[in-house]
């Protein structure tokens, strides 16, 4: 319940404050969001399987975001940013849909 309240407060503050993302950070923000979603759905799956650990979730969340951003940053530096961005999106997309399928099977018993 605390997480839902925190989410609602965060959304309200975000919409009211309308933060501006710096230009240098804009290419990395979508990748960070996808990496964060992977951690969230992985955490939800772990919770439903009864193996959720808050420390593992926090470390996974931060590590996913940082590593995904670092991969895209290195790709930008060596001139293959678009290709590595696509690779990161594909990998995290597969992981997100795999977790969603497991969540669906768990919830619907199908």
C-alpha atoms as a PDB file:
ATOM      1  CA  UNK A   1       0.000   0.000   0.000  1.00  0.00           C
ATOM      2  CA  UNK A   2       2.895   2.353   0.766  1.00  0.00           C
ATOM      3  CA  UNK A   3       4.315   1.733  -2.717  1.00  0.00           C
ATOM      4  CA  UNK A   4       1.017   2.685  -4.372  1.00  0.00           C
ATOM      5  CA  UNK A   5       0.753   5.857  -2.295  1.00  0.00           C
ATOM      6  CA  UNK A   6       4.366   6.722  -3.169  1.00  0.00           C
ATOM      7  CA  UNK A   7       3.651   6.111  -6.851  1.00  0.00           C
ATOM      8  CA  UNK A   8       0.585   8.361  -6.793  1.00  0.00           C
ATOM      9  CA  UNK A   9       2.470  11.116  -4.970  1.00  0.00           C
ATOM     10  CA  UNK A  10       5.373  10.817  -7.434  1.00  0.00           C
ATOM     11  CA  UNK A  11       3.022  11.023 -10.416  1.00  0.00           C
ATOM     12  CA  UNK A  12       1.244  14.057  -8.959  1.00  0.00           C
ATOM     13  CA  UNK A  13       4.522  15.858  -8.259  1.00  0.00           C
ATOM     14  CA  UNK A  14       5.786  15.002 -11.754  1.00  0.00           C
ATOM     15  CA  UNK A  15       2.701  16.342 -13.453  1.00  0.00           C
ATOM     16  CA  UNK A  16       2.543  19.480 -11.317  1.00  0.00           C
ATOM     17  CA  UNK A  17       6.248  20.319 -11.400  1.00  0.00           C
ATOM     18  CA  UNK A  18       6.720  19.436 -15.087  1.00  0.00           C
ATOM     19  CA  UNK A  19      10.453  18.809 -14.783  1.00  0.00           C
ATOM     20  CA  UNK A  20      12.689  19.551 -17.761  1.00  0.00           C
ATOM     21  CA  UNK A  21      15.045  16.780 -18.815  1.00  0.00           C
ATOM     22  CA  UNK A  22      18.469  18.134 -19.823  1.00  0.00           C
ATOM     23  CA  UNK A  23      19.321  17.720 -23.519  1.00  0.00           C
ATOM     24  CA  UNK A  24      22.323  15.481 -22.784  1.00  0.00           C
ATOM     25  CA  UNK A  25      20.118  13.083 -20.786  1.00  0.00           C
ATOM     26  CA  UNK A  26      17.235  12.802 -23.258  1.00  0.00           C
ATOM     27  CA  UNK A  27      18.655   9.925 -25.363  1.00  0.00           C
ATOM     28  CA  UNK A  28      19.149   7.819 -22.229  1.00  0.00           C
ATOM     29  CA  UNK A  29      15.804   8.419 -20.517  1.00  0.00           C
ATOM     30  CA  UNK A  30      13.716   5.984 -22.620  1.00  0.00           C
ATOM     31  CA  UNK A  31      16.335   3.276 -22.109  1.00  0.00           C
ATOM     32  CA  UNK A  32      16.348   3.919 -18.363  1.00  0.00           C
ATOM     33  CA  UNK A  33      12.554   3.656 -18.255  1.00  0.00           C
ATOM     34  CA  UNK A  34      12.582   0.323 -20.114  1.00  0.00           C
ATOM     35  CA  UNK A  35      15.304  -1.007 -17.804  1.00  0.00           C
ATOM     36  CA  UNK A  36      13.334   0.149 -14.763  1.00  0.00           C
ATOM     37  CA  UNK A  37      10.175  -1.516 -16.078  1.00  0.00           C
ATOM     38  CA  UNK A  38      12.108  -4.759 -16.417  1.00  0.00           C
ATOM     39  CA  UNK A  39      13.071  -4.573 -12.742  1.00  0.00           C
ATOM     40  CA  UNK A  40       9.508  -3.719 -11.713  1.00  0.00           C
ATOM     41  CA  UNK A  41       7.953  -6.630 -13.595  1.00  0.00           C
ATOM     42  CA  UNK A  42      10.705  -8.932 -12.343  1.00  0.00           C
ATOM     43  CA  UNK A  43       9.938  -7.809  -8.800  1.00  0.00           C
ATOM     44  CA  UNK A  44       6.226  -8.383  -9.307  1.00  0.00           C
ATOM     45  CA  UNK A  45       6.919 -11.853 -10.654  1.00  0.00           C
ATOM     46  CA  UNK A  46       9.173 -12.623  -7.671  1.00  0.00           C
ATOM     47  CA  UNK A  47       6.484 -11.352  -5.303  1.00  0.00           C
ATOM     48  CA  UNK A  48       3.862 -13.596  -6.861  1.00  0.00           C
ATOM     49  CA  UNK A  49       6.272 -16.543  -6.703  1.00  0.00           C
ATOM     50  CA  UNK A  50       6.896 -15.814  -3.020  1.00  0.00           C
ATOM     51  CA  UNK A  51      10.624 -15.102  -3.433  1.00  0.00           C
ATOM     52  CA  UNK A  52      10.647 -11.295  -3.428  1.00  0.00           C
ATOM     53  CA  UNK A  53      13.566  -9.653  -1.642  1.00  0.00           C
ATOM     54  CA  UNK A  54      13.541  -5.868  -1.329  1.00  0.00           C
ATOM     55  CA  UNK A  55      17.339  -5.571  -1.372  1.00  0.00           C
ATOM     56  CA  UNK A  56      17.593  -7.643  -4.537  1.00  0.00           C
ATOM     57  CA  UNK A  57      14.860  -5.510  -6.116  1.00  0.00           C
ATOM     58  CA  UNK A  58      16.590  -2.206  -5.327  1.00  0.00           C
ATOM     59  CA  UNK A  59      19.974  -3.450  -6.540  1.00  0.00           C
ATOM     60  CA  UNK A  60      18.384  -4.898  -9.694  1.00  0.00           C
ATOM     61  CA  UNK A  61      16.497  -1.664 -10.368  1.00  0.00           C
ATOM     62  CA  UNK A  62      19.570   0.547 -10.018  1.00  0.00           C
ATOM     63  CA  UNK A  63      21.881  -1.855 -11.837  1.00  0.00           C
ATOM     64  CA  UNK A  64      19.493  -2.279 -14.780  1.00  0.00           C
ATOM     65  CA  UNK A  65      19.164   1.465 -15.248  1.00  0.00           C
ATOM     66  CA  UNK A  66      22.875   2.172 -14.899  1.00  0.00           C
ATOM     67  CA  UNK A  67      24.080  -0.688 -17.106  1.00  0.00           C
ATOM     68  CA  UNK A  68      21.528   0.047 -19.842  1.00  0.00           C
ATOM     69  CA  UNK A  69      22.488   3.728 -19.810  1.00  0.00           C
ATOM     70  CA  UNK A  70      26.180   2.866 -19.835  1.00  0.00           C
ATOM     71  CA  UNK A  71      25.778   0.529 -22.811  1.00  0.00           C
ATOM     72  CA  UNK A  72      23.992   3.225 -24.807  1.00  0.00           C
ATOM     73  CA  UNK A  73      26.532   5.866 -23.715  1.00  0.00           C
ATOM     74  CA  UNK A  74      29.456   3.691 -24.837  1.00  0.00           C
ATOM     75  CA  UNK A  75      27.629   3.029 -28.099  1.00  0.00           C
ATOM     76  CA  UNK A  76      27.255   6.770 -28.650  1.00  0.00           C
ATOM     77  CA  UNK A  77      30.945   7.285 -27.979  1.00  0.00           C
ATOM     78  CA  UNK A  78      32.033   4.670 -30.526  1.00  0.00           C
ATOM     79  CA  UNK A  79      29.429   5.636 -33.121  1.00  0.00           C
ATOM     80  CA  UNK A  80      26.987   2.750 -32.804  1.00  0.00           C
ATOM     81  CA  UNK A  81      24.534   4.264 -30.315  1.00  0.00           C
ATOM     82  CA  UNK A  82      21.445   3.500 -32.376  1.00  0.00           C
ATOM     83  CA  UNK A  83      22.381  -0.156 -32.762  1.00  0.00           C
ATOM     84  CA  UNK A  84      23.135  -0.629 -29.074  1.00  0.00           C
ATOM     85  CA  UNK A  85      19.962   1.241 -28.140  1.00  0.00           C
ATOM     86  CA  UNK A  86      18.008  -1.190 -30.289  1.00  0.00           C
ATOM     87  CA  UNK A  87      19.818  -4.132 -28.690  1.00  0.00           C
ATOM     88  CA  UNK A  88      19.025  -2.893 -25.179  1.00  0.00           C
ATOM     89  CA  UNK A  89      15.365  -2.339 -26.069  1.00  0.00           C
ATOM     90  CA  UNK A  90      15.095  -5.831 -27.583  1.00  0.00           C
ATOM     91  CA  UNK A  91      16.754  -7.561 -24.618  1.00  0.00           C
ATOM     92  CA  UNK A  92      14.736  -5.735 -21.979  1.00  0.00           C
ATOM     93  CA  UNK A  93      11.587  -6.079 -24.090  1.00  0.00           C
ATOM     94  CA  UNK A  94      12.026  -9.850 -24.185  1.00  0.00           C
ATOM     95  CA  UNK A  95      12.600  -9.924 -20.427  1.00  0.00           C
ATOM     96  CA  UNK A  96       9.539  -7.735 -19.769  1.00  0.00           C
ATOM     97  CA  UNK A  97       7.269  -9.918 -21.906  1.00  0.00           C
ATOM     98  CA  UNK A  98       8.691 -13.091 -20.337  1.00  0.00           C
ATOM     99  CA  UNK A  99       7.922 -11.738 -16.876  1.00  0.00           C
ATOM    100  CA  UNK A 100       4.460 -10.615 -17.980  1.00  0.00           C
ATOM    101  CA  UNK A 101       3.742 -14.084 -19.367  1.00  0.00           C
ATOM    102  CA  UNK A 102       4.799 -15.666 -16.060  1.00  0.00           C
ATOM    103  CA  UNK A 103       2.658 -13.167 -14.131  1.00  0.00           C
ATOM    104  CA  UNK A 104      -0.314 -13.884 -16.368  1.00  0.00           C
ATOM    105  CA  UNK A 105       0.113 -17.652 -15.928  1.00  0.00           C
ATOM    106  CA  UNK A 106       0.372 -17.212 -12.169  1.00  0.00           C
ATOM    107  CA  UNK A 107      -2.668 -14.957 -11.848  1.00  0.00           C
ATOM    108  CA  UNK A 108      -4.935 -16.729 -14.349  1.00  0.00           C
ATOM    109  CA  UNK A 109      -3.676 -20.247 -13.637  1.00  0.00           C
ATOM    110  CA  UNK A 110      -3.263 -20.683 -17.377  1.00  0.00           C
END
